Amino acid sequence: MNIYELTTNQKNAIDKAKKIYGEYWKDEIRKGWQTGVYRWGLDSDKIAELQRMRNTIGKKGLDTLK
């Protein structure tokens, strides 16, 4: 799966995570997926979308995103 197959809400959540977490954005999302706790900067809508993505694209899908 690549970024162009994501919904607008999913793209927005990923873009926000990239902006906040920088080059380590995937690591931070993985930590959030494992714990349900995200570091500062993401609002509840973005967190909810990332959690839904955990259930739909999973780790393999996250790995393919750029």
PDB file of N, CA and C in Angstrom:
ATOM      1  N   MET A   1       0.853  -1.181   0.000  1.00  0.00           N
ATOM      2  CA  MET A   1       0.000   0.000   0.000  1.00  0.00           C
ATOM      3  C   MET A   1       0.892   1.235   0.000  1.00  0.00           C
ATOM      4  N   ASN A   2       0.560   2.189  -0.809  1.00  0.00           N
ATOM      5  CA  ASN A   2       1.315   3.436  -0.763  1.00  0.00           C
ATOM      6  C   ASN A   2       0.406   4.579  -0.329  1.00  0.00           C
ATOM      7  N   ILE A   3       0.988   5.716  -0.131  1.00  0.00           N
ATOM      8  CA  ILE A   3       0.264   6.859   0.419  1.00  0.00           C
ATOM      9  C   ILE A   3      -0.919   7.256  -0.464  1.00  0.00           C
ATOM     10  N   TYR A   4      -0.864   6.997  -1.747  1.00  0.00           N
ATOM     11  CA  TYR A   4      -1.931   7.399  -2.650  1.00  0.00           C
ATOM     12  C   TYR A   4      -3.169   6.521  -2.540  1.00  0.00           C
ATOM     13  N   GLU A   5      -3.075   5.384  -1.886  1.00  0.00           N
ATOM     14  CA  GLU A   5      -4.218   4.503  -1.685  1.00  0.00           C
ATOM     15  C   GLU A   5      -4.932   4.785  -0.377  1.00  0.00           C
ATOM     16  N   LEU A   6      -4.422   5.701   0.400  1.00  0.00           N
ATOM     17  CA  LEU A   6      -5.020   6.032   1.678  1.00  0.00           C
ATOM     18  C   LEU A   6      -6.168   7.016   1.491  1.00  0.00           C
ATOM     19  N   THR A   7      -7.081   7.029   2.441  1.00  0.00           N
ATOM     20  CA  THR A   7      -8.151   8.012   2.417  1.00  0.00           C
ATOM     21  C   THR A   7      -7.564   9.384   2.747  1.00  0.00           C
ATOM     22  N   THR A   8      -8.336  10.407   2.511  1.00  0.00           N
ATOM     23  CA  THR A   8      -7.893  11.764   2.838  1.00  0.00           C
ATOM     24  C   THR A   8      -7.595  11.888   4.324  1.00  0.00           C
ATOM     25  N   ASN A   9      -8.445  11.339   5.171  1.00  0.00           N
ATOM     26  CA  ASN A   9      -8.213  11.404   6.620  1.00  0.00           C
ATOM     27  C   ASN A   9      -6.945  10.660   7.017  1.00  0.00           C
ATOM     28  N   GLN A  10      -6.694   9.523   6.387  1.00  0.00           N
ATOM     29  CA  GLN A  10      -5.479   8.774   6.684  1.00  0.00           C
ATOM     30  C   GLN A  10      -4.244   9.552   6.242  1.00  0.00           C
ATOM     31  N   LYS A  11      -4.299  10.130   5.052  1.00  0.00           N
ATOM     32  CA  LYS A  11      -3.178  10.937   4.567  1.00  0.00           C
ATOM     33  C   LYS A  11      -2.904  12.101   5.511  1.00  0.00           C
ATOM     34  N   ASN A  12      -3.973  12.752   5.962  1.00  0.00           N
ATOM     35  CA  ASN A  12      -3.813  13.886   6.871  1.00  0.00           C
ATOM     36  C   ASN A  12      -3.159  13.458   8.180  1.00  0.00           C
ATOM     37  N   ALA A  13      -3.559  12.309   8.710  1.00  0.00           N
ATOM     38  CA  ALA A  13      -2.974  11.812   9.957  1.00  0.00           C
ATOM     39  C   ALA A  13      -1.495  11.486   9.769  1.00  0.00           C
ATOM     40  N   ILE A  14      -1.156  10.842   8.664  1.00  0.00           N
ATOM     41  CA  ILE A  14       0.244  10.512   8.381  1.00  0.00           C
ATOM     42  C   ILE A  14       1.056  11.788   8.176  1.00  0.00           C
ATOM     43  N   ASP A  15       0.519  12.720   7.421  1.00  0.00           N
ATOM     44  CA  ASP A  15       1.239  13.979   7.183  1.00  0.00           C
ATOM     45  C   ASP A  15       1.502  14.727   8.487  1.00  0.00           C
ATOM     46  N   LYS A  16       0.525  14.737   9.382  1.00  0.00           N
ATOM     47  CA  LYS A  16       0.701  15.410  10.675  1.00  0.00           C
ATOM     48  C   LYS A  16       1.782  14.702  11.493  1.00  0.00           C
ATOM     49  N   ALA A  17       1.761  13.367  11.497  1.00  0.00           N
ATOM     50  CA  ALA A  17       2.771  12.599  12.226  1.00  0.00           C
ATOM     51  C   ALA A  17       4.164  12.876  11.652  1.00  0.00           C
ATOM     52  N   LYS A  18       4.277  12.942  10.336  1.00  0.00           N
ATOM     53  CA  LYS A  18       5.568  13.256   9.711  1.00  0.00           C
ATOM     54  C   LYS A  18       6.068  14.615  10.153  1.00  0.00           C
ATOM     55  N   LYS A  19       5.168  15.581  10.171  1.00  0.00           N
ATOM     56  CA  LYS A  19       5.538  16.947  10.542  1.00  0.00           C
ATOM     57  C   LYS A  19       5.997  17.021  11.998  1.00  0.00           C
ATOM     58  N   ILE A  20       5.304  16.324  12.870  1.00  0.00           N
ATOM     59  CA  ILE A  20       5.618  16.372  14.300  1.00  0.00           C
ATOM     60  C   ILE A  20       6.851  15.539  14.645  1.00  0.00           C
ATOM     61  N   TYR A  21       6.918  14.320  14.126  1.00  0.00           N
ATOM     62  CA  TYR A  21       7.946  13.369  14.549  1.00  0.00           C
ATOM     63  C   TYR A  21       9.185  13.347  13.653  1.00  0.00           C
ATOM     64  N   GLY A  22       9.121  14.014  12.517  1.00  0.00           N
ATOM     65  CA  GLY A  22      10.285  14.073  11.643  1.00  0.00           C
ATOM     66  C   GLY A  22      10.664  12.713  11.076  1.00  0.00           C
ATOM     67  N   GLU A  23      11.954  12.495  10.945  1.00  0.00           N
ATOM     68  CA  GLU A  23      12.435  11.271  10.290  1.00  0.00           C
ATOM     69  C   GLU A  23      12.071   9.995  11.041  1.00  0.00           C
ATOM     70  N   TYR A  24      11.659  10.114  12.282  1.00  0.00           N
ATOM     71  CA  TYR A  24      11.306   8.937  13.080  1.00  0.00           C
ATOM     72  C   TYR A  24       9.803   8.716  13.170  1.00  0.00           C
ATOM     73  N   TRP A  25       9.046   9.259  12.220  1.00  0.00           N
ATOM     74  CA  TRP A  25       7.588   9.196  12.290  1.00  0.00           C
ATOM     75  C   TRP A  25       7.054   7.773  12.313  1.00  0.00           C
ATOM     76  N   LYS A  26       7.640   6.868  11.550  1.00  0.00           N
ATOM     77  CA  LYS A  26       7.153   5.482  11.555  1.00  0.00           C
ATOM     78  C   LYS A  26       7.393   4.821  12.909  1.00  0.00           C
ATOM     79  N   ASP A  27       8.540   5.080  13.502  1.00  0.00           N
ATOM     80  CA  ASP A  27       8.836   4.523  14.828  1.00  0.00           C
ATOM     81  C   ASP A  27       7.829   5.019  15.856  1.00  0.00           C
ATOM     82  N   GLU A  28       7.497   6.298  15.793  1.00  0.00           N
ATOM     83  CA  GLU A  28       6.548   6.876  16.744  1.00  0.00           C
ATOM     84  C   GLU A  28       5.145   6.305  16.545  1.00  0.00           C
ATOM     85  N   ILE A  29       4.757   6.104  15.290  1.00  0.00           N
ATOM     86  CA  ILE A  29       3.443   5.498  15.030  1.00  0.00           C
ATOM     87  C   ILE A  29       3.420   4.066  15.550  1.00  0.00           C
ATOM     88  N   ARG A  30       4.493   3.314  15.304  1.00  0.00           N
ATOM     89  CA  ARG A  30       4.546   1.939  15.813  1.00  0.00           C
ATOM     90  C   ARG A  30       4.416   1.903  17.341  1.00  0.00           C
ATOM     91  N   LYS A  31       5.114   2.800  18.020  1.00  0.00           N
ATOM     92  CA  LYS A  31       5.014   2.867  19.484  1.00  0.00           C
ATOM     93  C   LYS A  31       3.579   3.164  19.902  1.00  0.00           C
ATOM     94  N   GLY A  32       2.949   4.094  19.200  1.00  0.00           N
ATOM     95  CA  GLY A  32       1.557   4.419  19.487  1.00  0.00           C
ATOM     96  C   GLY A  32       0.639   3.240  19.245  1.00  0.00           C
ATOM     97  N   TRP A  33       0.888   2.497  18.181  1.00  0.00           N
ATOM     98  CA  TRP A  33       0.074   1.319  17.892  1.00  0.00           C
ATOM     99  C   TRP A  33       0.224   0.275  18.985  1.00  0.00           C
ATOM    100  N   GLN A  34       1.411   0.122  19.510  1.00  0.00           N
ATOM    101  CA  GLN A  34       1.664  -0.885  20.544  1.00  0.00           C
ATOM    102  C   GLN A  34       1.089  -0.485  21.891  1.00  0.00           C
ATOM    103  N   THR A  35       1.158   0.789  22.206  1.00  0.00           N
ATOM    104  CA  THR A  35       0.772   1.235  23.553  1.00  0.00           C
ATOM    105  C   THR A  35      -0.559   1.971  23.606  1.00  0.00           C
ATOM    106  N   GLY A  36      -0.992   2.515  22.462  1.00  0.00           N
ATOM    107  CA  GLY A  36      -2.178   3.357  22.443  1.00  0.00           C
ATOM    108  C   GLY A  36      -1.892   4.766  22.934  1.00  0.00           C
ATOM    109  N   VAL A  37      -0.612   5.058  23.200  1.00  0.00           N
ATOM    110  CA  VAL A  37      -0.205   6.367  23.699  1.00  0.00           C
ATOM    111  C   VAL A  37       0.695   7.018  22.655  1.00  0.00           C
ATOM    112  N   TYR A  38       0.324   8.224  22.258  1.00  0.00           N
ATOM    113  CA  TYR A  38       1.110   8.969  21.285  1.00  0.00           C
ATOM    114  C   TYR A  38       1.725  10.176  21.963  1.00  0.00           C
ATOM    115  N   ARG A  39       2.963  10.464  21.600  1.00  0.00           N
ATOM    116  CA  ARG A  39       3.623  11.649  22.158  1.00  0.00           C
ATOM    117  C   ARG A  39       2.866  12.892  21.747  1.00  0.00           C
ATOM    118  N   TRP A  40       3.202  13.991  22.346  1.00  0.00           N
ATOM    119  CA  TRP A  40       2.591  15.294  22.125  1.00  0.00           C
ATOM    120  C   TRP A  40       2.348  15.612  20.657  1.00  0.00           C
ATOM    121  N   GLY A  41       1.389  16.476  20.432  1.00  0.00           N
ATOM    122  CA  GLY A  41       1.222  17.075  19.121  1.00  0.00           C
ATOM    123  C   GLY A  41       0.112  16.552  18.241  1.00  0.00           C
ATOM    124  N   LEU A  42      -0.413  15.390  18.511  1.00  0.00           N
ATOM    125  CA  LEU A  42      -1.488  14.854  17.683  1.00  0.00           C
ATOM    126  C   LEU A  42      -2.817  15.032  18.404  1.00  0.00           C
ATOM    127  N   ASP A  43      -3.816  15.543  17.672  1.00  0.00           N
ATOM    128  CA  ASP A  43      -5.130  15.670  18.291  1.00  0.00           C
ATOM    129  C   ASP A  43      -5.851  14.323  18.265  1.00  0.00           C
ATOM    130  N   SER A  44      -6.956  14.246  18.965  1.00  0.00           N
ATOM    131  CA  SER A  44      -7.657  12.965  19.129  1.00  0.00           C
ATOM    132  C   SER A  44      -8.173  12.411  17.801  1.00  0.00           C
ATOM    133  N   ASP A  45      -8.536  13.270  16.857  1.00  0.00           N
ATOM    134  CA  ASP A  45      -8.990  12.786  15.554  1.00  0.00           C
ATOM    135  C   ASP A  45      -7.867  12.080  14.797  1.00  0.00           C
ATOM    136  N   LYS A  46      -6.674  12.656  14.847  1.00  0.00           N
ATOM    137  CA  LYS A  46      -5.532  12.051  14.151  1.00  0.00           C
ATOM    138  C   LYS A  46      -5.138  10.737  14.825  1.00  0.00           C
ATOM    139  N   ILE A  47      -5.172  10.714  16.147  1.00  0.00           N
ATOM    140  CA  ILE A  47      -4.850   9.485  16.877  1.00  0.00           C
ATOM    141  C   ILE A  47      -5.852   8.389  16.541  1.00  0.00           C
ATOM    142  N   ALA A  48      -7.127   8.735  16.510  1.00  0.00           N
ATOM    143  CA  ALA A  48      -8.162   7.740  16.176  1.00  0.00           C
ATOM    144  C   ALA A  48      -7.935   7.189  14.772  1.00  0.00           C
ATOM    145  N   GLU A  49      -7.569   8.052  13.844  1.00  0.00           N
ATOM    146  CA  GLU A  49      -7.322   7.599  12.470  1.00  0.00           C
ATOM    147  C   GLU A  49      -6.106   6.677  12.411  1.00  0.00           C
ATOM    148  N   LEU A  50      -5.054   7.017  13.131  1.00  0.00           N
ATOM    149  CA  LEU A  50      -3.877   6.151  13.168  1.00  0.00           C
ATOM    150  C   LEU A  50      -4.207   4.795  13.781  1.00  0.00           C
ATOM    151  N   GLN A  51      -5.035   4.785  14.803  1.00  0.00           N
ATOM    152  CA  GLN A  51      -5.424   3.511  15.420  1.00  0.00           C
ATOM    153  C   GLN A  51      -6.252   2.673  14.445  1.00  0.00           C
ATOM    154  N   ARG A  52      -7.128   3.311  13.674  1.00  0.00           N
ATOM    155  CA  ARG A  52      -7.886   2.575  12.657  1.00  0.00           C
ATOM    156  C   ARG A  52      -6.942   2.007  11.603  1.00  0.00           C
ATOM    157  N   MET A  53      -5.917   2.777  11.247  1.00  0.00           N
ATOM    158  CA  MET A  53      -4.946   2.300  10.267  1.00  0.00           C
ATOM    159  C   MET A  53      -4.196   1.080  10.785  1.00  0.00           C
ATOM    160  N   ARG A  54      -3.932   1.046  12.082  1.00  0.00           N
ATOM    161  CA  ARG A  54      -3.282  -0.128  12.671  1.00  0.00           C
ATOM    162  C   ARG A  54      -4.104  -1.375  12.358  1.00  0.00           C
ATOM    163  N   ASN A  55      -5.414  -1.230  12.428  1.00  0.00           N
ATOM    164  CA  ASN A  55      -6.299  -2.371  12.218  1.00  0.00           C
ATOM    165  C   ASN A  55      -6.518  -2.698  10.744  1.00  0.00           C
ATOM    166  N   THR A  56      -6.223  -1.755   9.859  1.00  0.00           N
ATOM    167  CA  THR A  56      -6.466  -2.008   8.440  1.00  0.00           C
ATOM    168  C   THR A  56      -5.189  -2.288   7.653  1.00  0.00           C
ATOM    169  N   ILE A  57      -4.164  -1.436   7.790  1.00  0.00           N
ATOM    170  CA  ILE A  57      -2.954  -1.655   6.988  1.00  0.00           C
ATOM    171  C   ILE A  57      -1.870  -2.398   7.762  1.00  0.00           C
ATOM    172  N   GLY A  58      -1.891  -2.289   9.066  1.00  0.00           N
ATOM    173  CA  GLY A  58      -0.918  -2.988   9.900  1.00  0.00           C
ATOM    174  C   GLY A  58       0.517  -2.547   9.666  1.00  0.00           C
ATOM    175  N   LYS A  59       1.438  -3.291  10.266  1.00  0.00           N
ATOM    176  CA  LYS A  59       2.856  -2.957  10.203  1.00  0.00           C
ATOM    177  C   LYS A  59       3.400  -3.001   8.778  1.00  0.00           C
ATOM    178  N   LYS A  60       2.979  -4.001   8.027  1.00  0.00           N
ATOM    179  CA  LYS A  60       3.482  -4.123   6.644  1.00  0.00           C
ATOM    180  C   LYS A  60       3.053  -2.940   5.803  1.00  0.00           C
ATOM    181  N   GLY A  61       1.822  -2.514   5.983  1.00  0.00           N
ATOM    182  CA  GLY A  61       1.339  -1.346   5.245  1.00  0.00           C
ATOM    183  C   GLY A  61       2.091  -0.100   5.634  1.00  0.00           C
ATOM    184  N   LEU A  62       2.334   0.067   6.938  1.00  0.00           N
ATOM    185  CA  LEU A  62       3.092   1.220   7.417  1.00  0.00           C
ATOM    186  C   LEU A  62       4.489   1.236   6.818  1.00  0.00           C
ATOM    187  N   ASP A  63       5.106   0.075   6.743  1.00  0.00           N
ATOM    188  CA  ASP A  63       6.462  -0.019   6.181  1.00  0.00           C
ATOM    189  C   ASP A  63       6.531   0.462   4.739  1.00  0.00           C
ATOM    190  N   THR A  64       5.438   0.299   3.991  1.00  0.00           N
ATOM    191  CA  THR A  64       5.469   0.678   2.570  1.00  0.00           C
ATOM    192  C   THR A  64       5.228   2.163   2.354  1.00  0.00           C
ATOM    193  N   LEU A  65       4.739   2.862   3.365  1.00  0.00           N
ATOM    194  CA  LEU A  65       4.453   4.296   3.207  1.00  0.00           C
ATOM    195  C   LEU A  65       5.736   5.105   3.143  1.00  0.00           C
ATOM    196  N   LYS A  66       5.683   6.161   2.395  1.00  0.00           N
ATOM    197  CA  LYS A  66       6.847   7.052   2.255  1.00  0.00           C
ATOM    198  C   LYS A  66       6.485   8.443   2.696  1.00  0.00           C
TER     199      LYS A  66
END
